[in-house]
C-alpha cells in the first residue's frame, strides 16, 4: 500500500525558505514533512490534544492589515433629507 504525499500550499521550508515545496503525509501515527528542494525532513508524533495549524501565507495577518481601522458604513435613505 502506497502512502499519498500531499503538497501544503503556502508553507515555506524552514531550511531553504522556498515556498510551496513542502509535502506531508501520515503513517503509523507519525506525521512526516519533507522539502523537495533541499534535504529538510521532519517527523512529528501526532498528538490529538495539541494539533496545531501549520503557518502559511493564508493564515497569517499581514502587517498592513494590522494597522487598518475598521469604521462602520452608514447607508442613507435617499428619500429622507439628511440633517
N, C-alpha and C. Protein backbone atom coordinates (compact mmCIF):
# COMPACT_ATOMS: atom_id res chain seq x y z
N UNK A 1 0.84 -1.18 0.00
CA UNK A 1 0.00 0.00 0.00
C UNK A 1 0.88 1.24 0.00
N UNK A 2 0.64 2.16 -0.90
CA UNK A 2 1.43 3.37 -1.04
C UNK A 2 0.79 4.52 -0.25
N UNK A 3 1.62 5.32 0.40
CA UNK A 3 1.15 6.47 1.15
C UNK A 3 1.12 7.68 0.24
N UNK A 4 0.02 8.42 0.27
CA UNK A 4 -0.13 9.61 -0.56
C UNK A 4 0.57 10.78 0.12
N UNK A 5 1.50 11.40 -0.59
CA UNK A 5 2.21 12.58 -0.10
C UNK A 5 1.57 13.79 -0.77
N UNK A 6 1.17 14.78 0.05
CA UNK A 6 0.47 15.95 -0.47
C UNK A 6 1.27 17.22 -0.20
N UNK A 7 1.30 18.10 -1.19
CA UNK A 7 1.95 19.39 -1.01
C UNK A 7 1.06 20.29 -0.17
N UNK A 8 1.68 21.11 0.66
CA UNK A 8 0.96 22.03 1.54
C UNK A 8 1.12 23.44 0.97
N UNK A 9 0.03 24.01 0.50
CA UNK A 9 0.07 25.33 -0.14
C UNK A 9 0.44 26.41 0.87
N UNK A 10 1.38 27.25 0.48
CA UNK A 10 1.74 28.40 1.28
C UNK A 10 2.77 28.18 2.36
N UNK A 11 3.21 26.96 2.56
CA UNK A 11 4.21 26.70 3.60
C UNK A 11 5.60 26.96 3.05
N UNK A 12 6.42 27.64 3.86
CA UNK A 12 7.80 27.94 3.50
C UNK A 12 8.72 26.95 4.20
N UNK A 13 9.68 26.42 3.49
CA UNK A 13 10.63 25.46 4.06
C UNK A 13 11.48 26.17 5.11
N UNK A 14 11.60 25.59 6.30
CA UNK A 14 12.42 26.22 7.34
C UNK A 14 13.91 26.21 7.03
N UNK A 15 14.36 25.37 6.13
CA UNK A 15 15.79 25.31 5.81
C UNK A 15 16.16 26.18 4.61
N UNK A 16 15.48 26.00 3.47
CA UNK A 16 15.88 26.74 2.25
C UNK A 16 14.99 27.94 1.95
N UNK A 17 13.91 28.12 2.70
CA UNK A 17 12.98 29.25 2.57
C UNK A 17 12.22 29.27 1.25
N UNK A 18 12.17 28.17 0.53
CA UNK A 18 11.38 28.08 -0.70
C UNK A 18 9.91 27.85 -0.33
N UNK A 19 9.01 28.54 -1.00
CA UNK A 19 7.59 28.38 -0.72
C UNK A 19 6.99 27.30 -1.61
N UNK A 20 6.01 26.61 -1.08
CA UNK A 20 5.26 25.56 -1.79
C UNK A 20 6.14 24.38 -2.21
N UNK A 21 7.11 24.03 -1.41
CA UNK A 21 7.98 22.89 -1.69
C UNK A 21 7.86 21.79 -0.64
N UNK A 22 7.03 22.00 0.38
CA UNK A 22 6.87 21.03 1.47
C UNK A 22 5.73 20.08 1.14
N UNK A 23 6.00 18.81 1.28
CA UNK A 23 4.93 17.82 1.17
C UNK A 23 4.85 17.06 2.48
N UNK A 24 3.66 16.59 2.80
CA UNK A 24 3.42 15.95 4.08
C UNK A 24 2.60 14.68 3.90
N UNK A 25 2.76 13.79 4.86
CA UNK A 25 1.97 12.56 4.88
C UNK A 25 1.98 12.01 6.30
N UNK A 26 1.06 11.09 6.57
CA UNK A 26 0.98 10.44 7.87
C UNK A 26 1.09 8.94 7.68
N UNK A 27 1.80 8.32 8.61
CA UNK A 27 1.97 6.88 8.54
C UNK A 27 2.25 6.34 9.94
N UNK A 28 1.49 5.36 10.36
CA UNK A 28 1.66 4.70 11.66
C UNK A 28 1.69 5.68 12.82
N UNK A 29 0.79 6.67 12.81
CA UNK A 29 0.69 7.63 13.90
C UNK A 29 1.79 8.68 13.93
N UNK A 30 2.51 8.83 12.85
CA UNK A 30 3.58 9.83 12.77
C UNK A 30 3.33 10.70 11.54
N UNK A 31 3.48 12.02 11.73
CA UNK A 31 3.33 12.97 10.63
C UNK A 31 4.72 13.27 10.09
N UNK A 32 4.89 13.19 8.78
CA UNK A 32 6.16 13.45 8.13
C UNK A 32 6.02 14.67 7.24
N UNK A 33 7.11 15.46 7.17
CA UNK A 33 7.18 16.60 6.25
C UNK A 33 8.56 16.58 5.62
N UNK A 34 8.60 16.90 4.32
CA UNK A 34 9.89 16.99 3.65
C UNK A 34 9.81 18.06 2.57
N UNK A 35 10.98 18.62 2.26
CA UNK A 35 11.10 19.61 1.20
C UNK A 35 11.65 18.93 -0.05
N UNK A 36 11.06 19.24 -1.19
CA UNK A 36 11.53 18.64 -2.44
C UNK A 36 12.68 19.45 -3.05
N UNK A 37 13.00 20.63 -2.48
CA UNK A 37 14.10 21.45 -2.98
C UNK A 37 15.41 21.25 -2.23
N UNK A 38 15.33 20.86 -0.96
CA UNK A 38 16.55 20.66 -0.17
C UNK A 38 16.40 19.35 0.61
N UNK A 39 17.27 19.11 1.56
CA UNK A 39 17.23 17.84 2.29
C UNK A 39 16.48 17.94 3.62
N UNK A 40 15.60 18.96 3.78
CA UNK A 40 14.82 19.09 5.01
C UNK A 40 13.87 17.91 5.15
N UNK A 41 13.85 17.31 6.34
CA UNK A 41 12.95 16.21 6.65
C UNK A 41 12.59 16.32 8.13
N UNK A 42 11.33 16.11 8.46
CA UNK A 42 10.88 16.21 9.84
C UNK A 42 9.83 15.16 10.10
N UNK A 43 9.88 14.56 11.26
CA UNK A 43 8.81 13.65 11.67
C UNK A 43 8.31 14.09 13.03
N UNK A 44 6.99 14.11 13.16
CA UNK A 44 6.34 14.57 14.38
C UNK A 44 5.30 13.56 14.81
N UNK A 45 5.28 13.20 16.09
CA UNK A 45 4.21 12.32 16.54
C UNK A 45 2.88 13.08 16.50
N UNK A 46 1.83 12.39 16.16
CA UNK A 46 0.51 13.01 16.09
C UNK A 46 -0.10 12.95 17.48
N UNK A 47 -0.27 14.12 18.08
CA UNK A 47 -0.88 14.22 19.40
C UNK A 47 -2.27 14.80 19.22
N UNK A 48 -3.26 14.09 19.65
CA UNK A 48 -4.64 14.51 19.46
C UNK A 48 -4.94 15.81 20.20
N UNK A 49 -4.33 16.04 21.36
CA UNK A 49 -4.62 17.22 22.16
C UNK A 49 -3.95 18.48 21.63
N UNK A 50 -2.84 18.34 20.95
CA UNK A 50 -2.04 19.51 20.58
C UNK A 50 -1.87 19.66 19.08
N UNK A 51 -2.93 19.41 18.32
CA UNK A 51 -2.83 19.61 16.88
C UNK A 51 -2.80 21.11 16.60
N UNK A 52 -1.75 21.56 15.96
CA UNK A 52 -1.63 22.98 15.63
C UNK A 52 -1.61 23.14 14.12
N UNK A 53 -2.12 24.25 13.69
CA UNK A 53 -2.15 24.54 12.27
C UNK A 53 -0.76 25.01 11.83
N UNK A 54 -0.31 24.51 10.71
CA UNK A 54 0.97 24.95 10.17
C UNK A 54 0.88 26.39 9.70
N UNK A 55 1.95 27.13 9.85
CA UNK A 55 1.97 28.53 9.44
C UNK A 55 2.07 28.61 7.93
N UNK A 56 1.12 29.33 7.34
CA UNK A 56 1.10 29.52 5.89
C UNK A 56 0.86 30.98 5.57
N UNK A 57 0.98 31.36 4.32
CA UNK A 57 0.71 32.75 3.95
C UNK A 57 -0.78 33.06 4.06
N UNK A 58 -1.61 32.06 4.10
CA UNK A 58 -3.05 32.25 4.13
C UNK A 58 -3.56 32.51 5.55
N UNK A 59 -2.95 31.88 6.56
CA UNK A 59 -3.48 32.00 7.91
C UNK A 59 -2.73 33.01 8.78
N UNK A 60 -1.88 33.86 8.20
CA UNK A 60 -1.19 34.90 8.93
C UNK A 60 -1.78 36.26 8.59
N UNK A 61 -1.75 37.16 9.56
CA UNK A 61 -2.21 38.53 9.34
C UNK A 61 -1.01 39.35 8.89
N UNK A 62 -1.15 40.02 7.76
CA UNK A 62 -0.06 40.86 7.24
C UNK A 62 0.04 42.13 8.07
N UNK A 63 1.22 42.76 8.06
CA UNK A 63 1.45 43.98 8.82
C UNK A 63 0.51 45.10 8.40
N UNK A 64 0.24 45.22 7.10
CA UNK A 64 -0.64 46.29 6.64
C UNK A 64 -2.09 46.05 7.05
N UNK A 65 -2.47 44.80 7.32
CA UNK A 65 -3.82 44.50 7.78
C UNK A 65 -3.98 44.82 9.26
N UNK A 66 -2.91 44.74 10.03
CA UNK A 66 -2.97 45.01 11.47
C UNK A 66 -3.26 46.48 11.74
N UNK A 67 -2.83 47.37 10.85
CA UNK A 67 -2.93 48.80 11.08
C UNK A 67 -4.25 49.40 10.62
N UNK A 68 -5.09 48.64 9.96
CA UNK A 68 -6.33 49.19 9.43
C UNK A 68 -7.34 49.42 10.54
N UNK A 69 -7.94 50.62 10.54
CA UNK A 69 -9.03 50.92 11.46
C UNK A 69 -10.34 50.57 10.78
N UNK A 70 -11.20 49.89 11.49
CA UNK A 70 -12.48 49.50 10.94
C UNK A 70 -13.52 50.52 11.38
N UNK A 71 -14.24 51.04 10.40
CA UNK A 71 -15.29 52.01 10.68
C UNK A 71 -16.59 51.51 10.04
N UNK A 72 -17.69 51.63 10.77
CA UNK A 72 -18.96 51.19 10.19
C UNK A 72 -19.41 52.12 9.06
N UNK A 73 -20.12 51.56 8.12
CA UNK A 73 -20.65 52.32 7.00
C UNK A 73 -22.13 52.57 7.26
N UNK A 74 -22.53 53.84 7.16
CA UNK A 74 -23.93 54.18 7.33
C UNK A 74 -24.57 54.32 5.95
N UNK A 75 -25.65 53.64 5.75
CA UNK A 75 -26.37 53.73 4.48
C UNK A 75 -27.54 54.68 4.68
N UNK A 76 -27.58 55.72 3.87
CA UNK A 76 -28.62 56.73 3.99
C UNK A 76 -29.79 56.39 3.09
N UNK A 77 -30.95 56.74 3.59
CA UNK A 77 -32.17 56.56 2.80
C UNK A 77 -32.29 57.76 1.87
N UNK A 78 -32.26 57.57 0.53
CA UNK A 78 -32.30 58.70 -0.39
C UNK A 78 -33.61 59.47 -0.32
N UNK A 79 -34.67 58.89 0.22
CA UNK A 79 -35.96 59.58 0.29
C UNK A 79 -36.05 60.53 1.47
N UNK A 80 -35.18 60.43 2.46
CA UNK A 80 -35.23 61.30 3.63
C UNK A 80 -34.10 62.32 3.55
N UNK A 81 -34.40 63.56 3.89
CA UNK A 81 -33.34 64.56 3.88
C UNK A 81 -32.38 64.31 5.05
N UNK A 82 -31.11 64.54 4.83
CA UNK A 82 -30.13 64.35 5.90
C UNK A 82 -30.06 65.61 6.74
N UNK A 83 -29.73 65.49 8.00
CA UNK A 83 -29.70 66.65 8.89
C UNK A 83 -28.31 67.11 9.11
